[in-house]
Amino acid sequence: MDIIRKGKEIGNFTAVARQHELDPKMVLRWAAKELNRKDVDQLDGASKRQAAFIPTAEDFKQLEHENEKLKKLLAEQALEREILKDLLKKTNPNLRIK
């Protein structure tokens, strides 16, 4: 009932469903039953388009983990590149490397 009430307040059941990590279609069905409406598409205009993504704490945690992983990968590649540059300088002293 709180989710339906909040959806009515902001006028977007899909966004409210995503905030609570629920299937938007399920929330729209609940709202349709509660409001005695049969046409779910008219209930929430956002149901026809993709609702704005509202990240959760878990989403941020996953992004932070992925970011750290990518930082490590980048650092490894930079180190590998420097090692290869040094090796090329030693094997070809006349070669200019940027």
C-alpha atoms as a PDB file:
ATOM      1  CA  MET A   1       0.000   0.000   0.000  1.00  0.00           C
ATOM      2  CA  ASP A   2       2.879   2.392   0.786  1.00  0.00           C
ATOM      3  CA  ILE A   3       4.449   1.746  -2.605  1.00  0.00           C
ATOM      4  CA  ILE A   4       1.155   2.399  -4.391  1.00  0.00           C
ATOM      5  CA  ARG A   5       0.612   5.554  -2.323  1.00  0.00           C
ATOM      6  CA  LYS A   6       4.101   6.795  -3.131  1.00  0.00           C
ATOM      7  CA  GLY A   7       3.600   5.996  -6.828  1.00  0.00           C
ATOM      8  CA  LYS A   8       0.390   8.026  -6.865  1.00  0.00           C
ATOM      9  CA  GLU A   9       2.130  10.928  -5.125  1.00  0.00           C
ATOM     10  CA  ILE A  10       4.987  11.237  -7.604  1.00  0.00           C
ATOM     11  CA  GLY A  11       3.001   9.985 -10.586  1.00  0.00           C
ATOM     12  CA  ASN A  12       5.530   7.318 -11.571  1.00  0.00           C
ATOM     13  CA  PHE A  13       4.921   3.783 -10.346  1.00  0.00           C
ATOM     14  CA  THR A  14       7.835   2.441 -12.396  1.00  0.00           C
ATOM     15  CA  ALA A  15      10.411   4.625 -10.625  1.00  0.00           C
ATOM     16  CA  VAL A  16       8.989   3.724  -7.225  1.00  0.00           C
ATOM     17  CA  ALA A  17       9.150   0.033  -8.116  1.00  0.00           C
ATOM     18  CA  ARG A  18      12.812   0.338  -9.102  1.00  0.00           C
ATOM     19  CA  GLN A  19      13.603   2.210  -5.874  1.00  0.00           C
ATOM     20  CA  HIS A  20      12.237  -0.735  -3.925  1.00  0.00           C
ATOM     21  CA  GLU A  21      13.888  -3.284  -6.249  1.00  0.00           C
ATOM     22  CA  LEU A  22      10.535  -4.614  -7.441  1.00  0.00           C
ATOM     23  CA  ASP A  23       9.309  -5.532 -10.900  1.00  0.00           C
ATOM     24  CA  PRO A  24       7.582  -2.429 -12.313  1.00  0.00           C
ATOM     25  CA  LYS A  25       4.883  -4.514 -14.026  1.00  0.00           C
ATOM     26  CA  MET A  26       4.002  -6.165 -10.725  1.00  0.00           C
ATOM     27  CA  VAL A  27       3.663  -2.785  -8.974  1.00  0.00           C
ATOM     28  CA  LEU A  28       1.504  -1.508 -11.837  1.00  0.00           C
ATOM     29  CA  ARG A  29      -0.768  -4.553 -11.441  1.00  0.00           C
ATOM     30  CA  TRP A  30      -1.048  -3.872  -7.704  1.00  0.00           C
ATOM     31  CA  ALA A  31      -1.916  -0.248  -8.405  1.00  0.00           C
ATOM     32  CA  ALA A  32      -4.456  -1.222 -11.069  1.00  0.00           C
ATOM     33  CA  LYS A  33      -6.182  -3.560  -8.598  1.00  0.00           C
ATOM     34  CA  GLU A  34      -6.117  -0.944  -5.862  1.00  0.00           C
ATOM     35  CA  LEU A  35      -7.432   1.806  -8.114  1.00  0.00           C
ATOM     36  CA  ASN A  36      -9.961  -0.488  -9.867  1.00  0.00           C
ATOM     37  CA  ARG A  37      -8.506   0.215 -13.293  1.00  0.00           C
ATOM     38  CA  LYS A  38      -8.099  -2.291 -16.061  1.00  0.00           C
ATOM     39  CA  ASP A  39      -5.787  -0.351 -18.387  1.00  0.00           C
ATOM     40  CA  VAL A  40      -2.377  -0.508 -16.724  1.00  0.00           C
ATOM     41  CA  ASP A  41      -0.686   1.479 -19.512  1.00  0.00           C
ATOM     42  CA  GLN A  42      -2.758   4.542 -18.666  1.00  0.00           C
ATOM     43  CA  LEU A  43      -1.963   4.169 -14.985  1.00  0.00           C
ATOM     44  CA  ASP A  44       1.691   5.094 -15.411  1.00  0.00           C
ATOM     45  CA  GLY A  45       2.895   6.866 -18.530  1.00  0.00           C
ATOM     46  CA  ALA A  46       6.442   5.830 -17.652  1.00  0.00           C
ATOM     47  CA  SER A  47       5.553   2.179 -18.189  1.00  0.00           C
ATOM     48  CA  LYS A  48       5.930   2.706 -21.932  1.00  0.00           C
ATOM     49  CA  ARG A  49       9.427   4.116 -21.628  1.00  0.00           C
ATOM     50  CA  GLN A  50      12.438   3.098 -19.611  1.00  0.00           C
ATOM     51  CA  ALA A  51      12.328   4.678 -16.171  1.00  0.00           C
ATOM     52  CA  ALA A  52      15.342   6.560 -14.921  1.00  0.00           C
ATOM     53  CA  PHE A  53      17.737   4.232 -13.184  1.00  0.00           C
ATOM     54  CA  ILE A  54      17.789   4.892  -9.451  1.00  0.00           C
ATOM     55  CA  PRO A  55      20.913   3.263  -8.024  1.00  0.00           C
ATOM     56  CA  THR A  56      20.823   1.401  -4.740  1.00  0.00           C
ATOM     57  CA  ALA A  57      23.579   0.992  -2.164  1.00  0.00           C
ATOM     58  CA  GLU A  58      24.355  -2.404  -3.684  1.00  0.00           C
ATOM     59  CA  ASP A  59      24.760  -0.802  -7.127  1.00  0.00           C
ATOM     60  CA  PHE A  60      27.265   1.680  -5.697  1.00  0.00           C
ATOM     61  CA  LYS A  61      29.127  -1.130  -3.967  1.00  0.00           C
ATOM     62  CA  GLN A  62      29.395  -3.090  -7.220  1.00  0.00           C
ATOM     63  CA  LEU A  63      30.559  -0.005  -9.113  1.00  0.00           C
ATOM     64  CA  GLU A  64      33.215   0.722  -6.496  1.00  0.00           C
ATOM     65  CA  HIS A  65      34.449  -2.862  -6.734  1.00  0.00           C
ATOM     66  CA  GLU A  66      34.556  -2.693 -10.537  1.00  0.00           C
ATOM     67  CA  ASN A  67      36.322   0.678 -10.393  1.00  0.00           C
ATOM     68  CA  GLU A  68      39.037  -0.715  -8.096  1.00  0.00           C
ATOM     69  CA  LYS A  69      39.464  -3.712 -10.385  1.00  0.00           C
ATOM     70  CA  LEU A  70      39.869  -1.446 -13.422  1.00  0.00           C
ATOM     71  CA  LYS A  71      42.362   0.782 -11.589  1.00  0.00           C
ATOM     72  CA  LYS A  72      44.506  -2.262 -10.795  1.00  0.00           C
ATOM     73  CA  LEU A  73      44.323  -3.445 -14.396  1.00  0.00           C
ATOM     74  CA  LEU A  74      45.354  -0.009 -15.668  1.00  0.00           C
ATOM     75  CA  ALA A  75      48.274   0.143 -13.234  1.00  0.00           C
ATOM     76  CA  GLU A  76      49.434  -3.324 -14.315  1.00  0.00           C
ATOM     77  CA  GLN A  77      49.293  -2.308 -17.980  1.00  0.00           C
ATOM     78  CA  ALA A  78      51.238   0.908 -17.310  1.00  0.00           C
ATOM     79  CA  LEU A  79      53.912  -1.053 -15.446  1.00  0.00           C
ATOM     80  CA  GLU A  80      54.086  -3.617 -18.240  1.00  0.00           C
ATOM     81  CA  ARG A  81      54.479  -0.829 -20.795  1.00  0.00           C
ATOM     82  CA  GLU A  82      57.343   0.748 -18.835  1.00  0.00           C
ATOM     83  CA  ILE A  83      59.081  -2.619 -18.553  1.00  0.00           C
ATOM     84  CA  LEU A  84      58.772  -3.133 -22.306  1.00  0.00           C
ATOM     85  CA  LYS A  85      60.130   0.363 -22.986  1.00  0.00           C
ATOM     86  CA  ASP A  86      63.154  -0.312 -20.780  1.00  0.00           C
ATOM     87  CA  LEU A  87      63.730  -3.635 -22.490  1.00  0.00           C
ATOM     88  CA  LEU A  88      63.583  -2.003 -25.937  1.00  0.00           C
ATOM     89  CA  LYS A  89      66.039   0.692 -24.848  1.00  0.00           C
ATOM     90  CA  LYS A  90      68.487  -1.952 -23.645  1.00  0.00           C
ATOM     91  CA  THR A  91      68.232  -4.072 -26.779  1.00  0.00           C
ATOM     92  CA  ASN A  92      68.184  -1.112 -29.230  1.00  0.00           C
ATOM     93  CA  PRO A  93      70.059   1.854 -27.706  1.00  0.00           C
ATOM     94  CA  ASN A  94      69.593   3.981 -30.872  1.00  0.00           C
ATOM     95  CA  LEU A  95      65.780   3.525 -30.871  1.00  0.00           C
ATOM     96  CA  ARG A  96      63.742   6.531 -29.699  1.00  0.00           C
ATOM     97  CA  ILE A  97      60.622   5.641 -27.736  1.00  0.00           C
ATOM     98  CA  LYS A  98      58.010   8.096 -26.546  1.00  0.00           C
END
